[in-house]
């Protein structure tokens, strides 16, 4: 402060400052790195026309510790923008705040790395299952700071429904949080549609004798298959399957002319199909299935892969899948 030209450049007079206690002070950057752990920048929430805040809890046992294959069990929210917000290309700011624990207040290093991803959704407001991909319009950066602030500028009608997906890196603790959404135009915030109420949980495996590979392979008919009878009234049904991350897997269900029919190939379009073979995890949202007999097949992309898998069927009524010998 002995250099008058420097004081003039930064607009600071040390003599005047000595008589004013306004909390404003100057500090060298090297000292900032020594004495401060975080640097927060102020912004004014009052600049936004609309705001919604919600509080929730994310238990450690909800979803996988590593969500690089499956984000379906992560906390998710659907942000629905008004027509005016779409027309004006509104700006959306999303503040995700992790609740600080007593240990953190006492200076213990935090190992909870949190972020938020944004996906485009549809009017069905269904849950997102896979990270990245064509639907993802913003991928957040993981941080152990207690605040994650994300800005998204609306580009057009394709942003009518936005999924906000919370994510942790190597999740290891329960976590309480507050999610605050701000927008320059009106919007609504809700949860994705709920899962179907009934569940069939199947634990099975591919063996040397039952790992036949994808459709088109000679051994396809050897794959694990189940017979499912759907009543005449029909049913809503969704599928999930998980295995080791080195296996690319698929689940499909095909209508057949009799119960317990084992398929050697696929000749008609499946009523349920998890799509391209994916490593470690596949899922579908709910599909309406008319009455009839069906065969459900679980396969790996490469024939001969041996390992276990878990198959979960969720439905609007209780189903009884029967293994096909």
C-alpha atoms as a PDB file:
ATOM      1  CA  UNK A   1       0.000   0.000   0.000  1.00  0.00           C
ATOM      2  CA  UNK A   2       3.005   2.285  -0.147  1.00  0.00           C
ATOM      3  CA  UNK A   3       2.522   2.661  -3.914  1.00  0.00           C
ATOM      4  CA  UNK A   4      -0.120   5.392  -4.554  1.00  0.00           C
ATOM      5  CA  UNK A   5      -0.551   4.333  -8.182  1.00  0.00           C
ATOM      6  CA  UNK A   6      -1.422   0.775  -7.145  1.00  0.00           C
ATOM      7  CA  UNK A   7      -3.912   2.027  -4.518  1.00  0.00           C
ATOM      8  CA  UNK A   8      -5.543   4.191  -7.174  1.00  0.00           C
ATOM      9  CA  UNK A   9      -5.702   1.294  -9.623  1.00  0.00           C
ATOM     10  CA  UNK A  10      -7.568  -0.987  -7.201  1.00  0.00           C
ATOM     11  CA  UNK A  11      -9.604   1.845  -5.642  1.00  0.00           C
ATOM     12  CA  UNK A  12      -8.356   1.312  -2.124  1.00  0.00           C
ATOM     13  CA  UNK A  13      -7.227   3.920   0.435  1.00  0.00           C
ATOM     14  CA  UNK A  14      -5.741   2.250   3.547  1.00  0.00           C
ATOM     15  CA  UNK A  15      -6.182   5.386   5.661  1.00  0.00           C
ATOM     16  CA  UNK A  16      -9.915   5.553   4.954  1.00  0.00           C
ATOM     17  CA  UNK A  17     -10.256   1.781   5.345  1.00  0.00           C
ATOM     18  CA  UNK A  18      -8.793   1.939   8.861  1.00  0.00           C
ATOM     19  CA  UNK A  19     -11.840   3.913   9.997  1.00  0.00           C
ATOM     20  CA  UNK A  20     -14.460   1.654   8.407  1.00  0.00           C
ATOM     21  CA  UNK A  21     -15.293  -1.866   9.599  1.00  0.00           C
ATOM     22  CA  UNK A  22     -17.250  -3.234   6.606  1.00  0.00           C
ATOM     23  CA  UNK A  23     -15.683  -6.687   6.376  1.00  0.00           C
ATOM     24  CA  UNK A  24     -13.838  -5.836   3.160  1.00  0.00           C
ATOM     25  CA  UNK A  25     -10.107  -6.548   3.165  1.00  0.00           C
ATOM     26  CA  UNK A  26      -7.218  -7.286   0.818  1.00  0.00           C
ATOM     27  CA  UNK A  27      -5.182 -10.472   1.030  1.00  0.00           C
ATOM     28  CA  UNK A  28      -2.443 -11.988  -1.115  1.00  0.00           C
ATOM     29  CA  UNK A  29      -3.394 -15.030  -3.224  1.00  0.00           C
ATOM     30  CA  UNK A  30      -0.692 -17.126  -1.555  1.00  0.00           C
ATOM     31  CA  UNK A  31      -2.306 -16.407   1.831  1.00  0.00           C
ATOM     32  CA  UNK A  32      -5.757 -17.250   0.465  1.00  0.00           C
ATOM     33  CA  UNK A  33      -4.496 -20.725  -0.414  1.00  0.00           C
ATOM     34  CA  UNK A  34      -3.134 -21.178   3.104  1.00  0.00           C
ATOM     35  CA  UNK A  35      -6.057 -19.897   5.191  1.00  0.00           C
ATOM     36  CA  UNK A  36      -9.168 -20.638   3.111  1.00  0.00           C
ATOM     37  CA  UNK A  37     -10.562 -23.969   1.913  1.00  0.00           C
ATOM     38  CA  UNK A  38     -13.424 -22.729  -0.291  1.00  0.00           C
ATOM     39  CA  UNK A  39     -14.204 -19.576  -2.232  1.00  0.00           C
ATOM     40  CA  UNK A  40     -17.900 -18.747  -2.743  1.00  0.00           C
ATOM     41  CA  UNK A  41     -19.174 -16.141  -5.216  1.00  0.00           C
ATOM     42  CA  UNK A  42     -22.375 -14.297  -4.349  1.00  0.00           C
ATOM     43  CA  UNK A  43     -25.364 -14.168  -6.701  1.00  0.00           C
ATOM     44  CA  UNK A  44     -28.862 -12.799  -6.309  1.00  0.00           C
ATOM     45  CA  UNK A  45     -31.738 -15.373  -6.375  1.00  0.00           C
ATOM     46  CA  UNK A  46     -34.217 -12.480  -6.566  1.00  0.00           C
ATOM     47  CA  UNK A  47     -33.243 -12.016 -10.222  1.00  0.00           C
ATOM     48  CA  UNK A  48     -35.272 -15.140 -11.089  1.00  0.00           C
ATOM     49  CA  UNK A  49     -39.041 -15.082 -11.570  1.00  0.00           C
ATOM     50  CA  UNK A  50     -39.651 -18.655 -10.375  1.00  0.00           C
ATOM     51  CA  UNK A  51     -38.071 -20.821  -7.693  1.00  0.00           C
ATOM     52  CA  UNK A  52     -38.741 -24.308  -6.258  1.00  0.00           C
ATOM     53  CA  UNK A  53     -36.836 -25.861  -3.348  1.00  0.00           C
ATOM     54  CA  UNK A  54     -37.026 -29.433  -2.064  1.00  0.00           C
ATOM     55  CA  UNK A  55     -35.176 -31.347   0.647  1.00  0.00           C
ATOM     56  CA  UNK A  56     -34.464 -35.071   0.648  1.00  0.00           C
ATOM     57  CA  UNK A  57     -32.267 -37.923   1.863  1.00  0.00           C
ATOM     58  CA  UNK A  58     -30.160 -40.314  -0.234  1.00  0.00           C
ATOM     59  CA  UNK A  59     -29.327 -43.495   1.732  1.00  0.00           C
ATOM     60  CA  UNK A  60     -26.063 -45.214   0.918  1.00  0.00           C
ATOM     61  CA  UNK A  61     -27.831 -48.471  -0.010  1.00  0.00           C
ATOM     62  CA  UNK A  62     -29.959 -46.814  -2.697  1.00  0.00           C
ATOM     63  CA  UNK A  63     -28.371 -47.637  -6.036  1.00  0.00           C
ATOM     64  CA  UNK A  64     -24.868 -48.854  -6.878  1.00  0.00           C
ATOM     65  CA  UNK A  65     -21.724 -47.306  -5.382  1.00  0.00           C
ATOM     66  CA  UNK A  66     -20.449 -46.852  -8.943  1.00  0.00           C
ATOM     67  CA  UNK A  67     -23.209 -45.450 -11.167  1.00  0.00           C
ATOM     68  CA  UNK A  68     -21.167 -45.398 -14.367  1.00  0.00           C
ATOM     69  CA  UNK A  69     -23.485 -48.126 -15.779  1.00  0.00           C
ATOM     70  CA  UNK A  70     -26.786 -47.513 -13.965  1.00  0.00           C
ATOM     71  CA  UNK A  71     -28.200 -44.169 -12.796  1.00  0.00           C
ATOM     72  CA  UNK A  72     -31.763 -45.464 -12.535  1.00  0.00           C
ATOM     73  CA  UNK A  73     -31.749 -45.707  -8.734  1.00  0.00           C
ATOM     74  CA  UNK A  74     -30.228 -42.246  -8.214  1.00  0.00           C
ATOM     75  CA  UNK A  75     -32.493 -39.418  -7.006  1.00  0.00           C
ATOM     76  CA  UNK A  76     -34.129 -37.850 -10.066  1.00  0.00           C
ATOM     77  CA  UNK A  77     -36.440 -34.901 -10.711  1.00  0.00           C
ATOM     78  CA  UNK A  78     -38.363 -33.733 -13.784  1.00  0.00           C
ATOM     79  CA  UNK A  79     -38.273 -30.007 -14.525  1.00  0.00           C
ATOM     80  CA  UNK A  80     -41.167 -29.043 -16.818  1.00  0.00           C
ATOM     81  CA  UNK A  81     -40.751 -25.647 -18.480  1.00  0.00           C
ATOM     82  CA  UNK A  82     -43.669 -23.413 -19.430  1.00  0.00           C
ATOM     83  CA  UNK A  83     -44.291 -22.438 -23.038  1.00  0.00           C
ATOM     84  CA  UNK A  84     -43.124 -18.918 -22.214  1.00  0.00           C
ATOM     85  CA  UNK A  85     -39.853 -20.297 -20.846  1.00  0.00           C
ATOM     86  CA  UNK A  86     -39.289 -22.180 -24.108  1.00  0.00           C
ATOM     87  CA  UNK A  87     -40.151 -19.170 -26.281  1.00  0.00           C
ATOM     88  CA  UNK A  88     -37.908 -16.787 -24.325  1.00  0.00           C
ATOM     89  CA  UNK A  89     -35.004 -19.268 -24.142  1.00  0.00           C
ATOM     90  CA  UNK A  90     -35.102 -19.026 -20.356  1.00  0.00           C
ATOM     91  CA  UNK A  91     -32.094 -19.525 -18.111  1.00  0.00           C
ATOM     92  CA  UNK A  92     -32.258 -22.265 -15.475  1.00  0.00           C
ATOM     93  CA  UNK A  93     -29.935 -22.286 -12.455  1.00  0.00           C
ATOM     94  CA  UNK A  94     -29.882 -25.400 -10.265  1.00  0.00           C
ATOM     95  CA  UNK A  95     -28.275 -25.341  -6.827  1.00  0.00           C
ATOM     96  CA  UNK A  96     -27.596 -28.701  -5.188  1.00  0.00           C
ATOM     97  CA  UNK A  97     -26.471 -28.317  -1.567  1.00  0.00           C
ATOM     98  CA  UNK A  98     -25.133 -31.206   0.470  1.00  0.00           C
ATOM     99  CA  UNK A  99     -26.011 -30.868   4.149  1.00  0.00           C
ATOM    100  CA  UNK A 100     -22.845 -30.382   6.184  1.00  0.00           C
ATOM    101  CA  UNK A 101     -22.197 -32.972   8.906  1.00  0.00           C
ATOM    102  CA  UNK A 102     -20.789 -32.324  12.374  1.00  0.00           C
ATOM    103  CA  UNK A 103     -17.495 -34.012  11.412  1.00  0.00           C
ATOM    104  CA  UNK A 104     -17.135 -31.684   8.436  1.00  0.00           C
ATOM    105  CA  UNK A 105     -17.746 -28.670  10.660  1.00  0.00           C
ATOM    106  CA  UNK A 106     -14.912 -29.936  12.859  1.00  0.00           C
ATOM    107  CA  UNK A 107     -12.533 -29.954   9.897  1.00  0.00           C
ATOM    108  CA  UNK A 108     -12.599 -33.621   8.846  1.00  0.00           C
ATOM    109  CA  UNK A 109     -11.862 -34.060   5.124  1.00  0.00           C
ATOM    110  CA  UNK A 110     -14.965 -34.782   3.076  1.00  0.00           C
ATOM    111  CA  UNK A 111     -14.990 -37.786   0.719  1.00  0.00           C
ATOM    112  CA  UNK A 112     -18.489 -37.258  -0.668  1.00  0.00           C
ATOM    113  CA  UNK A 113     -18.147 -36.145  -4.306  1.00  0.00           C
ATOM    114  CA  UNK A 114     -21.459 -34.995  -5.709  1.00  0.00           C
ATOM    115  CA  UNK A 115     -22.728 -33.620  -9.008  1.00  0.00           C
ATOM    116  CA  UNK A 116     -25.833 -33.225 -11.153  1.00  0.00           C
ATOM    117  CA  UNK A 117     -26.494 -34.281 -14.760  1.00  0.00           C
ATOM    118  CA  UNK A 118     -29.249 -32.985 -17.064  1.00  0.00           C
ATOM    119  CA  UNK A 119     -31.077 -35.201 -19.582  1.00  0.00           C
ATOM    120  CA  UNK A 120     -33.860 -34.407 -22.021  1.00  0.00           C
ATOM    121  CA  UNK A 121     -37.016 -36.343 -21.183  1.00  0.00           C
ATOM    122  CA  UNK A 122     -40.489 -36.705 -22.733  1.00  0.00           C
ATOM    123  CA  UNK A 123     -44.093 -36.107 -21.702  1.00  0.00           C
ATOM    124  CA  UNK A 124     -44.068 -39.605 -20.158  1.00  0.00           C
ATOM    125  CA  UNK A 125     -41.714 -38.259 -17.459  1.00  0.00           C
ATOM    126  CA  UNK A 126     -39.966 -41.605 -17.104  1.00  0.00           C
ATOM    127  CA  UNK A 127     -36.824 -42.411 -15.185  1.00  0.00           C
ATOM    128  CA  UNK A 128     -33.387 -42.178 -16.805  1.00  0.00           C
ATOM    129  CA  UNK A 129     -31.424 -45.431 -16.631  1.00  0.00           C
ATOM    130  CA  UNK A 130     -28.126 -44.860 -18.412  1.00  0.00           C
ATOM    131  CA  UNK A 131     -25.480 -42.146 -17.929  1.00  0.00           C
ATOM    132  CA  UNK A 132     -24.425 -40.055 -20.913  1.00  0.00           C
ATOM    133  CA  UNK A 133     -25.901 -40.896 -24.288  1.00  0.00           C
ATOM    134  CA  UNK A 134     -27.983 -38.824 -26.685  1.00  0.00           C
ATOM    135  CA  UNK A 135     -30.420 -37.632 -24.009  1.00  0.00           C
ATOM    136  CA  UNK A 136     -27.705 -36.084 -21.817  1.00  0.00           C
ATOM    137  CA  UNK A 137     -27.346 -32.341 -22.473  1.00  0.00           C
ATOM    138  CA  UNK A 138     -25.093 -31.513 -19.523  1.00  0.00           C
ATOM    139  CA  UNK A 139     -22.641 -33.639 -17.528  1.00  0.00           C
ATOM    140  CA  UNK A 140     -21.689 -32.190 -14.150  1.00  0.00           C
ATOM    141  CA  UNK A 141     -18.234 -32.179 -12.546  1.00  0.00           C
ATOM    142  CA  UNK A 142     -17.828 -34.044  -9.249  1.00  0.00           C
ATOM    143  CA  UNK A 143     -16.831 -31.951  -6.237  1.00  0.00           C
ATOM    144  CA  UNK A 144     -16.605 -32.418  -2.474  1.00  0.00           C
ATOM    145  CA  UNK A 145     -17.701 -28.808  -2.004  1.00  0.00           C
ATOM    146  CA  UNK A 146     -21.040 -28.604  -0.208  1.00  0.00           C
ATOM    147  CA  UNK A 147     -22.577 -26.684  -3.150  1.00  0.00           C
ATOM    148  CA  UNK A 148     -22.987 -27.642  -6.810  1.00  0.00           C
ATOM    149  CA  UNK A 149     -24.297 -24.859  -9.058  1.00  0.00           C
ATOM    150  CA  UNK A 150     -25.354 -25.669 -12.618  1.00  0.00           C
ATOM    151  CA  UNK A 151     -26.617 -23.273 -15.270  1.00  0.00           C
ATOM    152  CA  UNK A 152     -28.569 -24.396 -18.313  1.00  0.00           C
ATOM    153  CA  UNK A 153     -29.866 -22.094 -21.054  1.00  0.00           C
ATOM    154  CA  UNK A 154     -32.961 -23.407 -22.813  1.00  0.00           C
ATOM    155  CA  UNK A 155     -32.476 -23.951 -26.545  1.00  0.00           C
ATOM    156  CA  UNK A 156     -36.020 -24.716 -27.708  1.00  0.00           C
ATOM    157  CA  UNK A 157     -39.104 -26.991 -27.448  1.00  0.00           C
ATOM    158  CA  UNK A 158     -36.864 -30.061 -27.102  1.00  0.00           C
ATOM    159  CA  UNK A 159     -36.089 -28.836 -23.562  1.00  0.00           C
ATOM    160  CA  UNK A 160     -39.735 -28.962 -22.406  1.00  0.00           C
ATOM    161  CA  UNK A 161     -38.984 -31.810 -19.980  1.00  0.00           C
ATOM    162  CA  UNK A 162     -35.566 -31.956 -18.318  1.00  0.00           C
ATOM    163  CA  UNK A 163     -34.437 -34.760 -16.004  1.00  0.00           C
ATOM    164  CA  UNK A 164     -32.160 -33.697 -13.156  1.00  0.00           C
ATOM    165  CA  UNK A 165     -30.103 -36.714 -12.081  1.00  0.00           C
ATOM    166  CA  UNK A 166     -28.008 -36.613  -8.918  1.00  0.00           C
ATOM    167  CA  UNK A 167     -24.774 -38.601  -8.959  1.00  0.00           C
ATOM    168  CA  UNK A 168     -22.028 -39.475  -6.477  1.00  0.00           C
ATOM    169  CA  UNK A 169     -18.515 -40.666  -7.225  1.00  0.00           C
ATOM    170  CA  UNK A 170     -17.882 -43.951  -5.373  1.00  0.00           C
ATOM    171  CA  UNK A 171     -20.822 -43.455  -2.981  1.00  0.00           C
ATOM    172  CA  UNK A 172     -19.888 -44.434   0.575  1.00  0.00           C
ATOM    173  CA  UNK A 173     -22.180 -42.495   2.957  1.00  0.00           C
ATOM    174  CA  UNK A 174     -25.778 -41.501   3.556  1.00  0.00           C
ATOM    175  CA  UNK A 175     -26.401 -38.022   2.226  1.00  0.00           C
ATOM    176  CA  UNK A 176     -28.992 -35.323   2.979  1.00  0.00           C
ATOM    177  CA  UNK A 177     -29.394 -32.545   0.437  1.00  0.00           C
ATOM    178  CA  UNK A 178     -31.394 -29.533  -0.708  1.00  0.00           C
ATOM    179  CA  UNK A 179     -32.226 -28.980  -4.368  1.00  0.00           C
ATOM    180  CA  UNK A 180     -33.175 -25.440  -5.423  1.00  0.00           C
ATOM    181  CA  UNK A 181     -34.211 -24.615  -8.989  1.00  0.00           C
ATOM    182  CA  UNK A 182     -34.366 -21.041 -10.293  1.00  0.00           C
ATOM    183  CA  UNK A 183     -35.694 -19.910 -13.671  1.00  0.00           C
ATOM    184  CA  UNK A 184     -36.361 -16.645 -15.459  1.00  0.00           C
ATOM    185  CA  UNK A 185     -39.825 -18.032 -16.441  1.00  0.00           C
ATOM    186  CA  UNK A 186     -42.382 -20.337 -14.869  1.00  0.00           C
ATOM    187  CA  UNK A 187     -41.714 -24.074 -14.455  1.00  0.00           C
ATOM    188  CA  UNK A 188     -42.794 -27.088 -12.400  1.00  0.00           C
ATOM    189  CA  UNK A 189     -40.699 -29.682 -10.559  1.00  0.00           C
ATOM    190  CA  UNK A 190     -41.799 -33.261  -9.882  1.00  0.00           C
ATOM    191  CA  UNK A 191     -40.481 -36.800  -9.520  1.00  0.00           C
ATOM    192  CA  UNK A 192     -40.425 -39.367 -12.373  1.00  0.00           C
ATOM    193  CA  UNK A 193     -43.370 -41.752 -12.664  1.00  0.00           C
ATOM    194  CA  UNK A 194     -43.336 -44.483 -10.023  1.00  0.00           C
ATOM    195  CA  UNK A 195     -42.290 -48.066 -10.702  1.00  0.00           C
ATOM    196  CA  UNK A 196     -44.946 -50.722 -11.191  1.00  0.00           C
ATOM    197  CA  UNK A 197     -46.088 -52.060  -7.779  1.00  0.00           C
ATOM    198  CA  UNK A 198     -45.381 -55.804  -8.140  1.00  0.00           C
ATOM    199  CA  UNK A 199     -41.946 -57.391  -8.415  1.00  0.00           C
ATOM    200  CA  UNK A 200     -40.471 -60.721  -9.515  1.00  0.00           C
ATOM    201  CA  UNK A 201     -36.803 -61.025  -8.537  1.00  0.00           C
ATOM    202  CA  UNK A 202     -34.813 -63.792 -10.243  1.00  0.00           C
ATOM    203  CA  UNK A 203     -31.198 -64.768  -9.580  1.00  0.00           C
ATOM    204  CA  UNK A 204     -29.730 -67.008 -12.294  1.00  0.00           C
ATOM    205  CA  UNK A 205     -26.602 -67.654 -14.339  1.00  0.00           C
ATOM    206  CA  UNK A 206     -25.104 -68.417 -17.721  1.00  0.00           C
ATOM    207  CA  UNK A 207     -23.179 -71.676 -17.684  1.00  0.00           C
ATOM    208  CA  UNK A 208     -21.117 -73.365 -20.371  1.00  0.00           C
ATOM    209  CA  UNK A 209     -24.299 -75.168 -21.384  1.00  0.00           C
ATOM    210  CA  UNK A 210     -26.615 -72.113 -21.287  1.00  0.00           C
ATOM    211  CA  UNK A 211     -24.541 -69.225 -22.670  1.00  0.00           C
ATOM    212  CA  UNK A 212     -25.717 -69.190 -26.271  1.00  0.00           C
ATOM    213  CA  UNK A 213     -25.063 -65.619 -27.346  1.00  0.00           C
ATOM    214  CA  UNK A 214     -27.296 -63.182 -29.285  1.00  0.00           C
ATOM    215  CA  UNK A 215     -30.007 -63.928 -31.890  1.00  0.00           C
ATOM    216  CA  UNK A 216     -28.443 -65.349 -35.035  1.00  0.00           C
ATOM    217  CA  UNK A 217     -26.016 -67.533 -33.130  1.00  0.00           C
ATOM    218  CA  UNK A 218     -26.470 -71.301 -33.398  1.00  0.00           C
ATOM    219  CA  UNK A 219     -26.617 -71.633 -29.621  1.00  0.00           C
ATOM    220  CA  UNK A 220     -29.186 -68.869 -29.014  1.00  0.00           C
ATOM    221  CA  UNK A 221     -31.818 -71.433 -27.988  1.00  0.00           C
ATOM    222  CA  UNK A 222     -29.604 -72.530 -25.060  1.00  0.00           C
ATOM    223  CA  UNK A 223     -29.897 -69.157 -23.267  1.00  0.00           C
ATOM    224  CA  UNK A 224     -31.820 -68.883 -19.971  1.00  0.00           C
ATOM    225  CA  UNK A 225     -35.527 -68.447 -20.821  1.00  0.00           C
ATOM    226  CA  UNK A 226     -38.730 -67.996 -18.835  1.00  0.00           C
ATOM    227  CA  UNK A 227     -42.356 -68.551 -19.745  1.00  0.00           C
ATOM    228  CA  UNK A 228     -44.726 -65.743 -18.744  1.00  0.00           C
ATOM    229  CA  UNK A 229     -48.518 -65.898 -19.014  1.00  0.00           C
ATOM    230  CA  UNK A 230     -50.255 -62.523 -19.317  1.00  0.00           C
ATOM    231  CA  UNK A 231     -54.013 -62.454 -18.555  1.00  0.00           C
ATOM    232  CA  UNK A 232     -56.480 -61.227 -21.184  1.00  0.00           C
ATOM    233  CA  UNK A 233     -56.748 -57.831 -19.454  1.00  0.00           C
ATOM    234  CA  UNK A 234     -53.062 -57.174 -20.181  1.00  0.00           C
ATOM    235  CA  UNK A 235     -50.362 -55.777 -17.927  1.00  0.00           C
ATOM    236  CA  UNK A 236     -47.843 -52.963 -17.637  1.00  0.00           C
ATOM    237  CA  UNK A 237     -44.369 -54.448 -17.342  1.00  0.00           C
ATOM    238  CA  UNK A 238     -40.774 -53.244 -17.078  1.00  0.00           C
ATOM    239  CA  UNK A 239     -37.484 -55.163 -16.981  1.00  0.00           C
ATOM    240  CA  UNK A 240     -34.076 -54.699 -15.352  1.00  0.00           C
ATOM    241  CA  UNK A 241     -31.067 -56.985 -15.514  1.00  0.00           C
ATOM    242  CA  UNK A 242     -27.607 -56.645 -13.997  1.00  0.00           C
ATOM    243  CA  UNK A 243     -24.440 -58.703 -14.273  1.00  0.00           C
ATOM    244  CA  UNK A 244     -20.674 -58.241 -14.157  1.00  0.00           C
ATOM    245  CA  UNK A 245     -19.493 -55.135 -16.002  1.00  0.00           C
ATOM    246  CA  UNK A 246     -17.463 -57.130 -18.524  1.00  0.00           C
ATOM    247  CA  UNK A 247     -20.605 -58.799 -19.935  1.00  0.00           C
ATOM    248  CA  UNK A 248     -22.660 -56.993 -22.603  1.00  0.00           C
ATOM    249  CA  UNK A 249     -26.221 -58.179 -21.987  1.00  0.00           C
ATOM    250  CA  UNK A 250     -29.741 -57.962 -23.396  1.00  0.00           C
ATOM    251  CA  UNK A 251     -33.245 -58.953 -22.313  1.00  0.00           C
ATOM    252  CA  UNK A 252     -36.134 -59.448 -24.733  1.00  0.00           C
ATOM    253  CA  UNK A 253     -39.620 -60.907 -24.523  1.00  0.00           C
ATOM    254  CA  UNK A 254     -41.448 -62.408 -27.511  1.00  0.00           C
ATOM    255  CA  UNK A 255     -45.038 -63.563 -27.932  1.00  0.00           C
ATOM    256  CA  UNK A 256     -45.340 -67.316 -28.611  1.00  0.00           C
ATOM    257  CA  UNK A 257     -48.156 -69.691 -29.577  1.00  0.00           C
ATOM    258  CA  UNK A 258     -47.883 -71.875 -26.472  1.00  0.00           C
ATOM    259  CA  UNK A 259     -46.584 -71.724 -22.936  1.00  0.00           C
ATOM    260  CA  UNK A 260     -43.015 -72.873 -22.312  1.00  0.00           C
ATOM    261  CA  UNK A 261     -41.823 -72.565 -25.908  1.00  0.00           C
ATOM    262  CA  UNK A 262     -38.048 -72.312 -26.238  1.00  0.00           C
ATOM    263  CA  UNK A 263     -36.893 -70.097 -29.123  1.00  0.00           C
ATOM    264  CA  UNK A 264     -34.010 -70.815 -31.489  1.00  0.00           C
ATOM    265  CA  UNK A 265     -34.308 -67.444 -33.231  1.00  0.00           C
ATOM    266  CA  UNK A 266     -36.396 -64.254 -33.227  1.00  0.00           C
ATOM    267  CA  UNK A 267     -38.886 -64.063 -36.095  1.00  0.00           C
ATOM    268  CA  UNK A 268     -41.079 -61.183 -34.917  1.00  0.00           C
ATOM    269  CA  UNK A 269     -40.540 -57.924 -33.103  1.00  0.00           C
ATOM    270  CA  UNK A 270     -40.173 -58.418 -29.322  1.00  0.00           C
ATOM    271  CA  UNK A 271     -42.803 -56.748 -27.137  1.00  0.00           C
ATOM    272  CA  UNK A 272     -39.986 -55.883 -24.713  1.00  0.00           C
ATOM    273  CA  UNK A 273     -36.381 -55.322 -25.759  1.00  0.00           C
ATOM    274  CA  UNK A 274     -33.634 -53.575 -23.771  1.00  0.00           C
ATOM    275  CA  UNK A 275     -32.040 -52.622 -27.102  1.00  0.00           C
ATOM    276  CA  UNK A 276     -28.352 -52.678 -27.927  1.00  0.00           C
ATOM    277  CA  UNK A 277     -26.254 -54.987 -25.774  1.00  0.00           C
ATOM    278  CA  UNK A 278     -24.858 -52.949 -22.860  1.00  0.00           C
ATOM    279  CA  UNK A 279     -22.191 -53.787 -20.302  1.00  0.00           C
ATOM    280  CA  UNK A 280     -23.290 -54.648 -16.787  1.00  0.00           C
ATOM    281  CA  UNK A 281     -26.855 -53.316 -16.742  1.00  0.00           C
ATOM    282  CA  UNK A 282     -29.929 -52.964 -18.965  1.00  0.00           C
ATOM    283  CA  UNK A 283     -33.455 -51.725 -18.264  1.00  0.00           C
ATOM    284  CA  UNK A 284     -36.702 -50.627 -19.861  1.00  0.00           C
ATOM    285  CA  UNK A 285     -39.487 -48.335 -18.733  1.00  0.00           C
ATOM    286  CA  UNK A 286     -43.024 -49.702 -18.483  1.00  0.00           C
ATOM    287  CA  UNK A 287     -44.613 -51.230 -21.609  1.00  0.00           C
ATOM    288  CA  UNK A 288     -48.226 -52.290 -22.089  1.00  0.00           C
ATOM    289  CA  UNK A 289     -48.321 -56.039 -22.807  1.00  0.00           C
ATOM    290  CA  UNK A 290     -51.563 -57.600 -24.153  1.00  0.00           C
ATOM    291  CA  UNK A 291     -52.756 -60.995 -22.943  1.00  0.00           C
ATOM    292  CA  UNK A 292     -51.092 -64.159 -24.197  1.00  0.00           C
ATOM    293  CA  UNK A 293     -48.096 -66.462 -23.739  1.00  0.00           C
ATOM    294  CA  UNK A 294     -44.572 -65.047 -23.862  1.00  0.00           C
ATOM    295  CA  UNK A 295     -40.986 -66.244 -23.698  1.00  0.00           C
ATOM    296  CA  UNK A 296     -38.394 -64.008 -22.025  1.00  0.00           C
ATOM    297  CA  UNK A 297     -34.714 -64.491 -22.986  1.00  0.00           C
ATOM    298  CA  UNK A 298     -31.583 -63.194 -21.245  1.00  0.00           C
ATOM    299  CA  UNK A 299     -28.402 -63.344 -23.345  1.00  0.00           C
ATOM    300  CA  UNK A 300     -24.836 -62.091 -23.606  1.00  0.00           C
ATOM    301  CA  UNK A 301     -23.292 -60.636 -26.745  1.00  0.00           C
ATOM    302  CA  UNK A 302     -20.468 -63.182 -26.742  1.00  0.00           C
ATOM    303  CA  UNK A 303     -21.418 -66.883 -26.560  1.00  0.00           C
ATOM    304  CA  UNK A 304     -19.767 -68.964 -23.882  1.00  0.00           C
ATOM    305  CA  UNK A 305     -19.500 -66.279 -21.183  1.00  0.00           C
ATOM    306  CA  UNK A 306     -20.087 -67.831 -17.765  1.00  0.00           C
ATOM    307  CA  UNK A 307     -21.394 -65.812 -14.834  1.00  0.00           C
ATOM    308  CA  UNK A 308     -24.370 -64.827 -12.702  1.00  0.00           C
ATOM    309  CA  UNK A 309     -27.043 -62.235 -13.349  1.00  0.00           C
ATOM    310  CA  UNK A 310     -30.023 -60.744 -11.544  1.00  0.00           C
ATOM    311  CA  UNK A 311     -33.297 -60.249 -13.404  1.00  0.00           C
ATOM    312  CA  UNK A 312     -36.081 -58.046 -12.019  1.00  0.00           C
ATOM    313  CA  UNK A 313     -39.565 -57.795 -13.500  1.00  0.00           C
ATOM    314  CA  UNK A 314     -41.901 -55.047 -12.299  1.00  0.00           C
ATOM    315  CA  UNK A 315     -45.553 -55.198 -13.277  1.00  0.00           C
ATOM    316  CA  UNK A 316     -49.027 -53.808 -12.584  1.00  0.00           C
ATOM    317  CA  UNK A 317     -50.169 -57.273 -11.404  1.00  0.00           C
ATOM    318  CA  UNK A 318     -48.186 -60.124  -9.898  1.00  0.00           C
ATOM    319  CA  UNK A 319     -46.577 -62.326 -12.560  1.00  0.00           C
ATOM    320  CA  UNK A 320     -45.211 -65.846 -12.190  1.00  0.00           C
ATOM    321  CA  UNK A 321     -42.276 -66.371 -14.597  1.00  0.00           C
ATOM    322  CA  UNK A 322     -41.482 -70.078 -15.012  1.00  0.00           C
ATOM    323  CA  UNK A 323     -38.033 -71.298 -16.110  1.00  0.00           C
ATOM    324  CA  UNK A 324     -38.109 -73.166 -19.428  1.00  0.00           C
ATOM    325  CA  UNK A 325     -36.149 -76.421 -19.312  1.00  0.00           C
END
